[in-house]
PDB file of N, CA and C in Angstrom:
ATOM      1  N   MET A   1     -32.002 -17.091  64.998  1.00  0.00           N
ATOM      2  CA  MET A   1     -31.135 -15.977  65.226  1.00  0.00           C
ATOM      3  C   MET A   1     -31.614 -15.195  66.431  1.00  0.00           C
ATOM      4  N   GLY A   2     -30.725 -14.961  67.417  1.00  0.00           N
ATOM      5  CA  GLY A   2     -31.096 -14.189  68.563  1.00  0.00           C
ATOM      6  C   GLY A   2     -31.035 -12.704  68.316  1.00  0.00           C
ATOM      7  N   ASN A   3     -31.364 -11.979  69.395  1.00  0.00           N
ATOM      8  CA  ASN A   3     -31.281 -10.478  69.224  1.00  0.00           C
ATOM      9  C   ASN A   3     -29.853 -10.026  68.935  1.00  0.00           C
ATOM     10  N   GLN A   4     -28.903 -10.741  69.433  1.00  0.00           N
ATOM     11  CA  GLN A   4     -27.461 -10.254  69.126  1.00  0.00           C
ATOM     12  C   GLN A   4     -27.253 -10.393  67.643  1.00  0.00           C
ATOM     13  N   GLY A   5     -27.709 -11.457  66.931  1.00  0.00           N
ATOM     14  CA  GLY A   5     -27.519 -11.676  65.584  1.00  0.00           C
ATOM     15  C   GLY A   5     -28.262 -10.589  64.782  1.00  0.00           C
ATOM     16  N   ILE A   6     -29.456 -10.299  65.165  1.00  0.00           N
ATOM     17  CA  ILE A   6     -30.274  -9.268  64.507  1.00  0.00           C
ATOM     18  C   ILE A   6     -29.582  -7.946  64.572  1.00  0.00           C
ATOM     19  N   ASN A   7     -29.131  -7.588  65.825  1.00  0.00           N
ATOM     20  CA  ASN A   7     -28.416  -6.334  65.992  1.00  0.00           C
ATOM     21  C   ASN A   7     -27.171  -6.196  65.164  1.00  0.00           C
ATOM     22  N   GLU A   8     -26.380  -7.325  65.038  1.00  0.00           N
ATOM     23  CA  GLU A   8     -25.210  -7.338  64.222  1.00  0.00           C
ATOM     24  C   GLU A   8     -25.590  -7.066  62.785  1.00  0.00           C
ATOM     25  N   ARG A   9     -26.641  -7.690  62.286  1.00  0.00           N
ATOM     26  CA  ARG A   9     -27.046  -7.482  60.947  1.00  0.00           C
ATOM     27  C   ARG A   9     -27.503  -6.012  60.714  1.00  0.00           C
ATOM     28  N   LYS A  10     -28.220  -5.464  61.644  1.00  0.00           N
ATOM     29  CA  LYS A  10     -28.628  -4.063  61.556  1.00  0.00           C
ATOM     30  C   LYS A  10     -27.397  -3.174  61.492  1.00  0.00           C
ATOM     31  N   ARG A  11     -26.447  -3.375  62.336  1.00  0.00           N
ATOM     32  CA  ARG A  11     -25.177  -2.596  62.316  1.00  0.00           C
ATOM     33  C   ARG A  11     -24.515  -2.734  60.975  1.00  0.00           C
ATOM     34  N   SER A  12     -24.462  -3.931  60.499  1.00  0.00           N
ATOM     35  CA  SER A  12     -23.701  -4.253  59.184  1.00  0.00           C
ATOM     36  C   SER A  12     -24.504  -3.564  58.070  1.00  0.00           C
ATOM     37  N   ILE A  13     -25.767  -3.530  58.062  1.00  0.00           N
ATOM     38  CA  ILE A  13     -26.603  -2.841  57.026  1.00  0.00           C
ATOM     39  C   ILE A  13     -26.351  -1.315  57.152  1.00  0.00           C
ATOM     40  N   SER A  14     -26.428  -0.810  58.352  1.00  0.00           N
ATOM     41  CA  SER A  14     -26.146   0.638  58.577  1.00  0.00           C
ATOM     42  C   SER A  14     -24.821   1.018  58.109  1.00  0.00           C
ATOM     43  N   ALA A  15     -23.771   0.214  58.378  1.00  0.00           N
ATOM     44  CA  ALA A  15     -22.437   0.577  57.950  1.00  0.00           C
ATOM     45  C   ALA A  15     -22.395   0.538  56.508  1.00  0.00           C
ATOM     46  N   TYR A  16     -22.975  -0.445  55.796  1.00  0.00           N
ATOM     47  CA  TYR A  16     -22.847  -0.494  54.371  1.00  0.00           C
ATOM     48  C   TYR A  16     -23.528   0.703  53.798  1.00  0.00           C
ATOM     49  N   ILE A  17     -24.670   1.159  54.280  1.00  0.00           N
ATOM     50  CA  ILE A  17     -25.421   2.311  53.754  1.00  0.00           C
ATOM     51  C   ILE A  17     -24.553   3.526  54.022  1.00  0.00           C
ATOM     52  N   ALA A  18     -23.905   3.695  55.178  1.00  0.00           N
ATOM     53  CA  ALA A  18     -23.067   4.795  55.459  1.00  0.00           C
ATOM     54  C   ALA A  18     -21.854   4.837  54.376  1.00  0.00           C
ATOM     55  N   ASP A  19     -21.257   3.683  54.152  1.00  0.00           N
ATOM     56  CA  ASP A  19     -20.128   3.612  53.246  1.00  0.00           C
ATOM     57  C   ASP A  19     -20.562   3.782  51.746  1.00  0.00           C
ATOM     58  N   HIS A  20     -21.801   3.453  51.462  1.00  0.00           N
ATOM     59  CA  HIS A  20     -22.183   3.519  50.050  1.00  0.00           C
ATOM     60  C   HIS A  20     -23.439   4.377  49.868  1.00  0.00           C
ATOM     61  N   SER A  21     -23.602   5.412  50.602  1.00  0.00           N
ATOM     62  CA  SER A  21     -24.759   6.274  50.615  1.00  0.00           C
ATOM     63  C   SER A  21     -25.160   6.821  49.310  1.00  0.00           C
ATOM     64  N   ALA A  22     -24.111   7.208  48.488  1.00  0.00           N
ATOM     65  CA  ALA A  22     -24.392   7.727  47.194  1.00  0.00           C
ATOM     66  C   ALA A  22     -25.033   6.728  46.289  1.00  0.00           C
ATOM     67  N   THR A  23     -24.503   5.566  46.303  1.00  0.00           N
ATOM     68  CA  THR A  23     -25.002   4.367  45.559  1.00  0.00           C
ATOM     69  C   THR A  23     -26.346   3.942  45.965  1.00  0.00           C
ATOM     70  N   VAL A  24     -26.551   3.845  47.253  1.00  0.00           N
ATOM     71  CA  VAL A  24     -27.837   3.463  47.836  1.00  0.00           C
ATOM     72  C   VAL A  24     -28.871   4.459  47.505  1.00  0.00           C
ATOM     73  N   SER A  25     -28.604   5.812  47.593  1.00  0.00           N
ATOM     74  CA  SER A  25     -29.514   6.928  47.266  1.00  0.00           C
ATOM     75  C   SER A  25     -29.822   6.774  45.763  1.00  0.00           C
ATOM     76  N   ARG A  26     -28.834   6.615  44.923  1.00  0.00           N
ATOM     77  CA  ARG A  26     -29.034   6.542  43.471  1.00  0.00           C
ATOM     78  C   ARG A  26     -29.978   5.360  43.155  1.00  0.00           C
ATOM     79  N   THR A  27     -29.706   4.289  43.776  1.00  0.00           N
ATOM     80  CA  THR A  27     -30.447   3.069  43.556  1.00  0.00           C
ATOM     81  C   THR A  27     -31.932   3.183  43.925  1.00  0.00           C
ATOM     82  N   ILE A  28     -32.157   3.907  45.091  1.00  0.00           N
ATOM     83  CA  ILE A  28     -33.489   4.133  45.494  1.00  0.00           C
ATOM     84  C   ILE A  28     -34.242   5.052  44.574  1.00  0.00           C
ATOM     85  N   ILE A  29     -33.510   6.167  44.143  1.00  0.00           N
ATOM     86  CA  ILE A  29     -34.108   7.057  43.156  1.00  0.00           C
ATOM     87  C   ILE A  29     -34.418   6.382  41.845  1.00  0.00           C
ATOM     88  N   GLU A  30     -33.428   5.597  41.299  1.00  0.00           N
ATOM     89  CA  GLU A  30     -33.670   4.964  40.080  1.00  0.00           C
ATOM     90  C   GLU A  30     -34.787   3.956  40.161  1.00  0.00           C
ATOM     91  N   SER A  31     -34.841   3.232  41.240  1.00  0.00           N
ATOM     92  CA  SER A  31     -35.991   2.328  41.442  1.00  0.00           C
ATOM     93  C   SER A  31     -37.284   3.010  41.486  1.00  0.00           C
ATOM     94  N   LEU A  32     -37.453   4.140  42.177  1.00  0.00           N
ATOM     95  CA  LEU A  32     -38.682   4.893  42.177  1.00  0.00           C
ATOM     96  C   LEU A  32     -39.077   5.389  40.835  1.00  0.00           C
ATOM     97  N   GLU A  33     -38.049   5.915  40.043  1.00  0.00           N
ATOM     98  CA  GLU A  33     -38.255   6.399  38.759  1.00  0.00           C
ATOM     99  C   GLU A  33     -38.777   5.309  37.824  1.00  0.00           C
ATOM    100  N   MET A  34     -38.218   4.107  37.959  1.00  0.00           N
ATOM    101  CA  MET A  34     -38.548   3.002  37.164  1.00  0.00           C
ATOM    102  C   MET A  34     -40.069   2.614  37.453  1.00  0.00           C
ATOM    103  N   ARG A  35     -40.402   2.557  38.701  1.00  0.00           N
ATOM    104  CA  ARG A  35     -41.714   2.197  39.119  1.00  0.00           C
ATOM    105  C   ARG A  35     -42.757   3.212  38.475  1.00  0.00           C
ATOM    106  N   MET A  36     -42.471   4.568  38.491  1.00  0.00           N
ATOM    107  CA  MET A  36     -43.303   5.536  38.001  1.00  0.00           C
ATOM    108  C   MET A  36     -43.431   5.354  36.460  1.00  0.00           C
ATOM    109  N   LYS A  37     -42.327   4.989  35.796  1.00  0.00           N
ATOM    110  CA  LYS A  37     -42.400   4.732  34.314  1.00  0.00           C
ATOM    111  C   LYS A  37     -43.405   3.555  34.018  1.00  0.00           C
ATOM    112  N   LEU A  38     -43.260   2.565  34.776  1.00  0.00           N
ATOM    113  CA  LEU A  38     -44.024   1.357  34.600  1.00  0.00           C
ATOM    114  C   LEU A  38     -45.498   1.707  34.827  1.00  0.00           C
ATOM    115  N   LEU A  39     -45.789   2.492  35.826  1.00  0.00           N
ATOM    116  CA  LEU A  39     -47.267   2.880  36.123  1.00  0.00           C
ATOM    117  C   LEU A  39     -47.749   3.798  34.997  1.00  0.00           C
ATOM    118  N   ALA A  40     -46.880   4.548  34.447  1.00  0.00           N
ATOM    119  CA  ALA A  40     -47.269   5.446  33.266  1.00  0.00           C
ATOM    120  C   ALA A  40     -47.586   4.585  32.065  1.00  0.00           C
ATOM    121  N   ILE A  41     -46.728   3.619  31.774  1.00  0.00           N
ATOM    122  CA  ILE A  41     -46.976   2.650  30.653  1.00  0.00           C
ATOM    123  C   ILE A  41     -48.264   1.914  30.910  1.00  0.00           C
ATOM    124  N   ARG A  42     -48.489   1.427  32.003  1.00  0.00           N
ATOM    125  CA  ARG A  42     -49.763   0.673  32.244  1.00  0.00           C
ATOM    126  C   ARG A  42     -50.941   1.538  32.051  1.00  0.00           C
ATOM    127  N   LYS A  43     -50.823   2.738  32.634  1.00  0.00           N
ATOM    128  CA  LYS A  43     -52.016   3.715  32.515  1.00  0.00           C
ATOM    129  C   LYS A  43     -52.194   4.160  31.037  1.00  0.00           C
ATOM    130  N   ARG A  44     -51.147   4.406  30.318  1.00  0.00           N
ATOM    131  CA  ARG A  44     -51.337   4.827  28.937  1.00  0.00           C
ATOM    132  C   ARG A  44     -51.748   3.798  27.987  1.00  0.00           C
ATOM    133  N   TRP A  45     -51.223   2.612  28.085  1.00  0.00           N
ATOM    134  CA  TRP A  45     -51.559   1.602  27.098  1.00  0.00           C
ATOM    135  C   TRP A  45     -52.435   0.472  27.613  1.00  0.00           C
ATOM    136  N   GLY A  46     -52.424   0.338  28.901  1.00  0.00           N
ATOM    137  CA  GLY A  46     -53.290  -0.707  29.505  1.00  0.00           C
ATOM    138  C   GLY A  46     -52.926  -2.132  28.989  1.00  0.00           C
ATOM    139  N   LYS A  47     -51.655  -2.296  28.518  1.00  0.00           N
ATOM    140  CA  LYS A  47     -51.288  -3.669  27.958  1.00  0.00           C
ATOM    141  C   LYS A  47     -50.663  -4.534  29.080  1.00  0.00           C
ATOM    142  N   PHE A  48     -50.054  -3.925  30.088  1.00  0.00           N
ATOM    143  CA  PHE A  48     -49.376  -4.711  31.059  1.00  0.00           C
ATOM    144  C   PHE A  48     -50.270  -4.940  32.304  1.00  0.00           C
ATOM    145  N   THR A  49     -50.297  -6.136  32.697  1.00  0.00           N
ATOM    146  CA  THR A  49     -51.071  -6.407  33.913  1.00  0.00           C
ATOM    147  C   THR A  49     -50.220  -5.941  35.162  1.00  0.00           C
ATOM    148  N   ASP A  50     -50.843  -5.905  36.294  1.00  0.00           N
ATOM    149  CA  ASP A  50     -50.236  -5.539  37.534  1.00  0.00           C
ATOM    150  C   ASP A  50     -49.044  -6.479  37.734  1.00  0.00           C
ATOM    151  N   GLU A  51     -49.255  -7.817  37.553  1.00  0.00           N
ATOM    152  CA  GLU A  51     -48.218  -8.790  37.795  1.00  0.00           C
ATOM    153  C   GLU A  51     -47.079  -8.626  36.942  1.00  0.00           C
ATOM    154  N   CYS A  52     -47.319  -8.297  35.642  1.00  0.00           N
ATOM    155  CA  CYS A  52     -46.174  -8.058  34.680  1.00  0.00           C
ATOM    156  C   CYS A  52     -45.384  -6.872  35.108  1.00  0.00           C
ATOM    157  N   CYS A  53     -45.995  -5.772  35.482  1.00  0.00           N
ATOM    158  CA  CYS A  53     -45.325  -4.586  35.904  1.00  0.00           C
ATOM    159  C   CYS A  53     -44.493  -4.875  37.139  1.00  0.00           C
ATOM    160  N   GLU A  54     -45.072  -5.586  38.064  1.00  0.00           N
ATOM    161  CA  GLU A  54     -44.425  -5.911  39.211  1.00  0.00           C
ATOM    162  C   GLU A  54     -43.153  -6.778  38.889  1.00  0.00           C
ATOM    163  N   THR A  55     -43.298  -7.747  38.081  1.00  0.00           N
ATOM    164  CA  THR A  55     -42.167  -8.628  37.715  1.00  0.00           C
ATOM    165  C   THR A  55     -41.042  -7.895  37.038  1.00  0.00           C
ATOM    166  N   ILE A  56     -41.449  -6.846  36.133  1.00  0.00           N
ATOM    167  CA  ILE A  56     -40.343  -6.091  35.546  1.00  0.00           C
ATOM    168  C   ILE A  56     -39.723  -5.260  36.494  1.00  0.00           C
ATOM    169  N   TYR A  57     -40.430  -4.677  37.482  1.00  0.00           N
ATOM    170  CA  TYR A  57     -39.904  -3.806  38.494  1.00  0.00           C
ATOM    171  C   TYR A  57     -38.960  -4.575  39.326  1.00  0.00           C
ATOM    172  N   LEU A  58     -39.377  -5.823  39.753  1.00  0.00           N
ATOM    173  CA  LEU A  58     -38.497  -6.632  40.617  1.00  0.00           C
ATOM    174  C   LEU A  58     -37.149  -7.024  40.002  1.00  0.00           C
ATOM    175  N   ILE A  59     -37.237  -7.325  38.683  1.00  0.00           N
ATOM    176  CA  ILE A  59     -36.057  -7.674  37.869  1.00  0.00           C
ATOM    177  C   ILE A  59     -35.176  -6.401  37.844  1.00  0.00           C
ATOM    178  N   PHE A  60     -35.753  -5.258  37.635  1.00  0.00           N
ATOM    179  CA  PHE A  60     -34.952  -3.968  37.541  1.00  0.00           C
ATOM    180  C   PHE A  60     -34.312  -3.771  38.998  1.00  0.00           C
ATOM    181  N   VAL A  61     -34.936  -3.899  40.096  1.00  0.00           N
ATOM    182  CA  VAL A  61     -34.398  -3.692  41.338  1.00  0.00           C
ATOM    183  C   VAL A  61     -33.266  -4.666  41.631  1.00  0.00           C
ATOM    184  N   HIS A  62     -33.516  -5.935  41.305  1.00  0.00           N
ATOM    185  CA  HIS A  62     -32.491  -6.987  41.483  1.00  0.00           C
ATOM    186  C   HIS A  62     -31.275  -6.605  40.702  1.00  0.00           C
ATOM    187  N   THR A  63     -31.427  -6.224  39.476  1.00  0.00           N
ATOM    188  CA  THR A  63     -30.300  -5.793  38.618  1.00  0.00           C
ATOM    189  C   THR A  63     -29.533  -4.589  39.223  1.00  0.00           C
ATOM    190  N   LEU A  64     -30.271  -3.602  39.737  1.00  0.00           N
ATOM    191  CA  LEU A  64     -29.662  -2.486  40.402  1.00  0.00           C
ATOM    192  C   LEU A  64     -28.797  -2.891  41.599  1.00  0.00           C
ATOM    193  N   GLN A  65     -29.402  -3.855  42.355  1.00  0.00           N
ATOM    194  CA  GLN A  65     -28.754  -4.304  43.606  1.00  0.00           C
ATOM    195  C   GLN A  65     -27.419  -5.041  43.309  1.00  0.00           C
ATOM    196  N   LYS A  66     -27.478  -5.937  42.199  1.00  0.00           N
ATOM    197  CA  LYS A  66     -26.258  -6.616  41.812  1.00  0.00           C
ATOM    198  C   LYS A  66     -25.239  -5.754  41.311  1.00  0.00           C
ATOM    199  N   ASN A  67     -25.633  -4.620  40.563  1.00  0.00           N
ATOM    200  CA  ASN A  67     -24.706  -3.745  40.016  1.00  0.00           C
ATOM    201  C   ASN A  67     -24.081  -2.737  41.077  1.00  0.00           C
ATOM    202  N   SER A  68     -24.759  -2.548  42.091  1.00  0.00           N
ATOM    203  CA  SER A  68     -24.288  -1.547  43.168  1.00  0.00           C
ATOM    204  C   SER A  68     -23.424  -2.258  44.301  1.00  0.00           C
ATOM    205  N   VAL A  69     -23.269  -3.577  44.195  1.00  0.00           N
ATOM    206  CA  VAL A  69     -22.440  -4.252  45.181  1.00  0.00           C
ATOM    207  C   VAL A  69     -20.948  -4.236  44.760  1.00  0.00           C
TER     208      VAL A  69
END
C-alpha cells in the first residue's frame, strides 16, 4: 500500500471518529476502566497472571469494538 492508500485510511479513520466521537470516547473510557479493574483484581487476589488479565482485556476491547460499529 502506497502513501496514497495510507492517507486514505487515515482520512477514513478520522472521519469515523468525527462521526462517532461519543461512541469512540465512551469505548476508550470503558476500556481504561476495565483495565484498571483487572489491575485491581490482580493486585488484590494475585490469582490472575498478566497473560490472563491481558486476554480478558483484549476480549473486552474486541467486544466493545464490535458493539460500537
